[in-house]
Protein backbone atom coordinates (compact mmCIF):
# COMPACT_ATOMS: atom_id res chain seq x y z
CA MET A 1 38.84 80.79 127.94
CA ILE A 2 40.91 83.82 127.10
CA TYR A 3 42.89 82.98 123.73
CA PRO A 4 46.26 84.16 122.99
CA ASN A 5 46.62 87.63 120.97
CA GLN A 6 46.36 87.22 117.26
CA HIS A 7 50.17 88.08 116.82
CA GLU A 8 51.14 85.25 119.28
CA VAL A 9 49.32 82.68 117.28
CA SER A 10 51.48 80.45 115.04
CA ALA A 11 48.97 77.65 114.02
CA ILE A 12 45.51 76.36 114.94
CA VAL A 13 45.55 72.51 114.53
CA PRO A 14 43.18 69.80 115.15
CA PHE A 15 44.09 66.73 117.39
CA THR A 16 42.40 63.42 118.63
CA ALA A 17 41.75 63.56 122.33
CA GLU A 18 42.33 60.52 124.54
CA ASP A 19 38.63 59.85 124.59
CA GLY A 20 38.64 59.89 120.85
CA GLY A 21 36.79 63.14 120.65
CA GLU A 22 38.08 66.25 118.58
CA GLY A 23 40.02 68.95 120.00
CA THR A 24 42.01 71.81 119.00
CA LYS A 25 45.83 72.93 119.72
CA ILE A 26 46.59 76.61 119.60
CA LEU A 27 50.24 76.75 118.86
CA THR A 28 51.93 80.15 120.02
CA SER A 29 55.30 81.74 118.91
CA SER A 30 56.74 81.18 122.47
CA GLY A 31 56.37 77.43 121.79
CA GLU A 32 53.08 77.02 124.18
CA SER A 33 50.47 74.52 122.93
CA ILE A 34 46.86 75.60 124.25
CA LEU A 35 44.66 72.56 124.34
CA GLN A 36 40.85 72.94 123.76
CA GLU A 37 39.56 69.53 124.13
CA ASN A 38 35.97 70.25 123.18
CA ARG A 39 36.39 72.92 120.65
CA THR A 40 36.84 72.44 117.02
CA VAL A 41 39.24 74.42 114.71
CA SER A 42 36.58 76.07 113.15
CA TYR A 43 35.32 77.26 116.45
CA ILE A 44 38.49 78.78 117.39
CA VAL A 45 39.22 80.45 113.98
CA ARG A 46 35.51 81.88 114.06
CA HIS A 47 36.46 83.27 117.53
CA TYR A 48 39.38 85.30 116.07
CA ALA A 49 37.38 86.44 113.05
CA GLU A 50 34.32 87.73 115.24
CA ASN A 51 36.62 89.51 117.34
CA GLU A 52 37.49 91.51 114.32
CA ASP A 53 33.70 91.94 113.51
CA LYS A 54 34.22 89.41 110.70
CA THR A 55 32.47 86.29 109.61
CA LEU A 56 34.21 83.30 107.88
CA ARG A 57 31.43 83.15 105.48
CA LEU A 58 32.04 86.75 104.20
CA ILE A 59 35.72 86.42 104.22
CA GLY A 60 35.35 83.31 101.97
CA HIS A 61 33.00 85.26 99.55
CA HIS A 62 35.53 88.14 99.55
CA TYR A 63 38.63 86.30 98.80
CA ALA A 64 38.06 82.91 97.56
CA PRO A 65 36.76 84.08 93.92
CA SER A 66 40.08 86.44 93.66
CA LEU A 67 42.19 83.12 93.74
CA GLY A 68 39.79 81.08 91.63
CA ALA A 69 38.96 78.80 94.77
CA ARG A 70 35.42 77.71 95.67
CA HIS A 71 36.11 77.92 99.32
CA ALA A 72 38.42 80.00 101.49
CA PHE A 73 41.46 78.41 102.60
CA LEU A 74 43.05 81.77 103.30
CA LEU A 75 41.28 83.73 105.95
CA PRO A 76 42.75 87.16 106.48
CA ILE A 77 41.54 88.07 109.95
CA SER A 78 43.71 91.12 110.59
CA LEU A 79 47.19 92.36 109.66
CA ASP A 80 48.24 90.39 112.45
CA MET A 81 46.56 86.94 111.43
CA LEU A 82 46.35 85.83 108.00
CA LEU A 83 45.47 81.97 108.24
CA VAL A 84 46.26 79.42 105.62
CA GLY A 85 44.23 76.35 105.56
CA LEU A 86 46.48 73.24 104.91
CA LYS A 87 45.84 69.56 105.11
CA TYR A 88 47.01 67.89 108.33
CA ARG A 89 46.41 64.93 110.20
CA THR A 90 47.67 63.71 113.86
CA PRO A 91 48.35 60.45 115.05
CA GLY A 92 45.38 58.52 116.31
CA TYR A 93 43.54 60.39 113.48
CA SER A 94 39.69 59.44 113.18
CA SER A 95 38.17 59.54 109.75
CA HIS A 96 35.25 61.68 111.00
CA HIS A 97 37.64 64.30 112.33
CA ARG A 98 38.56 67.35 110.55
CA THR A 99 42.06 67.63 108.71
CA TRP A 100 42.55 71.28 108.14
CA ALA A 101 45.09 73.06 110.33
CA TYR A 102 45.35 76.85 109.80
CA ILE A 103 48.78 78.57 109.86
CA ASN A 104 49.56 82.02 110.57
CA ILE A 105 51.54 83.08 107.54
CA GLY A 106 53.58 85.56 109.70
CA HIS A 107 54.95 82.48 111.57
CA VAL A 108 56.09 80.42 108.83
CA GLU A 109 60.05 80.14 109.11
CA ARG A 110 60.67 77.46 106.22
CA LEU A 111 59.07 74.82 104.04
CA HIS A 112 60.75 71.37 103.74
CA ALA A 113 60.08 68.16 102.22
CA ASP A 114 59.34 65.34 104.63
CA PRO A 115 62.18 63.11 104.92
CA GLU A 116 59.88 60.16 105.83
CA ASN A 117 57.44 60.58 102.90
CA LYS A 118 58.60 62.68 99.97
CA ARG A 119 54.99 63.25 98.70
CA ASN A 120 54.36 65.10 101.98
CA SER A 121 55.97 68.33 103.62
CA TYR A 122 56.39 70.15 106.83
CA ILE A 123 56.38 73.66 107.86
CA GLU A 124 58.96 75.00 110.38
CA LEU A 125 56.81 77.68 112.53
CA THR A 126 58.64 80.42 114.58
CA GLY A 127 60.60 79.03 117.41
CA GLY A 128 61.54 75.99 115.26
CA ARG A 129 58.26 73.81 115.82
CA PRO A 130 57.83 71.47 112.77
CA LEU A 131 54.18 71.10 111.56
CA HIS A 132 53.81 67.87 109.28
CA LEU A 133 51.36 68.25 106.34
CA LEU A 134 49.63 65.98 103.99
CA TRP A 135 50.41 68.12 100.82
CA SER A 136 53.55 68.21 98.73
CA VAL A 137 56.06 71.01 98.99
CA ALA A 138 54.84 72.44 95.56
CA THR A 139 51.04 72.52 96.81
CA VAL A 140 52.05 74.19 100.14
CA ARG A 141 54.30 76.72 98.56
CA GLU A 142 51.53 77.66 96.10
CA LYS A 143 49.13 78.23 99.09
CA LEU A 144 51.83 80.30 100.88
CA VAL A 145 52.42 82.53 97.89
CA GLU A 146 48.64 83.20 97.43
CA ALA A 147 48.65 84.00 101.08
CA GLN A 148 51.48 86.57 100.67
CA TYR A 149 49.47 87.95 97.75
CA ILE A 150 46.50 88.49 99.89
CA TYR A 151 48.38 90.01 102.78
CA LEU A 152 50.13 92.55 100.48
CA ARG A 153 46.63 93.23 99.04
CA GLN A 154 45.41 93.92 102.69
CA LEU A 155 48.34 95.91 103.60
CA GLN A 156 47.87 98.12 100.56
CA HIS A 157 44.26 98.68 101.34
CA THR A 158 45.31 99.50 104.86
CA ARG A 159 47.86 102.08 103.75
CA LEU A 160 45.31 103.66 101.50
CA ILE A 161 42.70 104.04 104.06
CA LEU A 162 45.36 105.68 106.46
CA GLN A 163 46.52 107.90 103.85
CA ARG A 164 43.07 109.37 103.08
CA ILE A 165 42.45 109.79 106.80
CA ASP A 166 45.86 111.64 107.14
CA ASN A 167 45.03 114.02 104.06
CA HIS A 168 41.66 114.68 105.39
CA MET A 169 43.06 115.53 108.87
CA LEU A 170 45.77 117.85 106.98
CA ARG A 171 43.03 119.56 105.08
CA LYS A 172 40.98 120.36 108.13
CA GLY A 173 44.10 121.37 110.20
CA MET A 174 44.71 120.42 113.77
CA GLU A 175 44.29 123.94 115.32
CA PRO A 176 41.86 124.09 118.52
CA GLY A 177 38.25 124.56 117.41
CA TRP A 178 38.50 122.37 114.36
CA LEU A 179 35.89 120.14 115.56
CA GLY A 180 33.50 123.10 116.61
CA GLU A 181 32.79 124.79 119.84
CA LYS A 182 32.62 122.71 123.12
CA SER A 183 28.89 122.58 124.37
């Protein structure tokens, strides 16, 4: 299976298949839902991390302590994909299935209180798709603010690296032969 590019992924959410098994939906910014009936959310997220030469364990060890967390609910895969883990449950939910959905911070349009249950909330994703959550607006807002902080940290780090490379290139010069003679 070829998965969508990171910048196209709005969310990765669990669902219960017709046979009662666990599956995953990849929701894209174009409104498409890609169903993976025999794949867990963690499998899909791990796939995206490994494409960036990262492991979920190392991401967790690096970012969770800076937020005072014991586990990583924020997964900065790349500048195109910073996933925020939020509590989510679908109709037909089985108690042995996972309840974490991962939302790509770049695809969150708005956060709303759930009109049917004020204790819960929903996120409006790019394209207007709602994603109902099991946490309050205040809790989800806190997670989204923390995700923005991590994103800005990641962006600043990338800028510094690019600036160092740029400065190095300027010192070396770009004239012919700066890399040595052809062999």
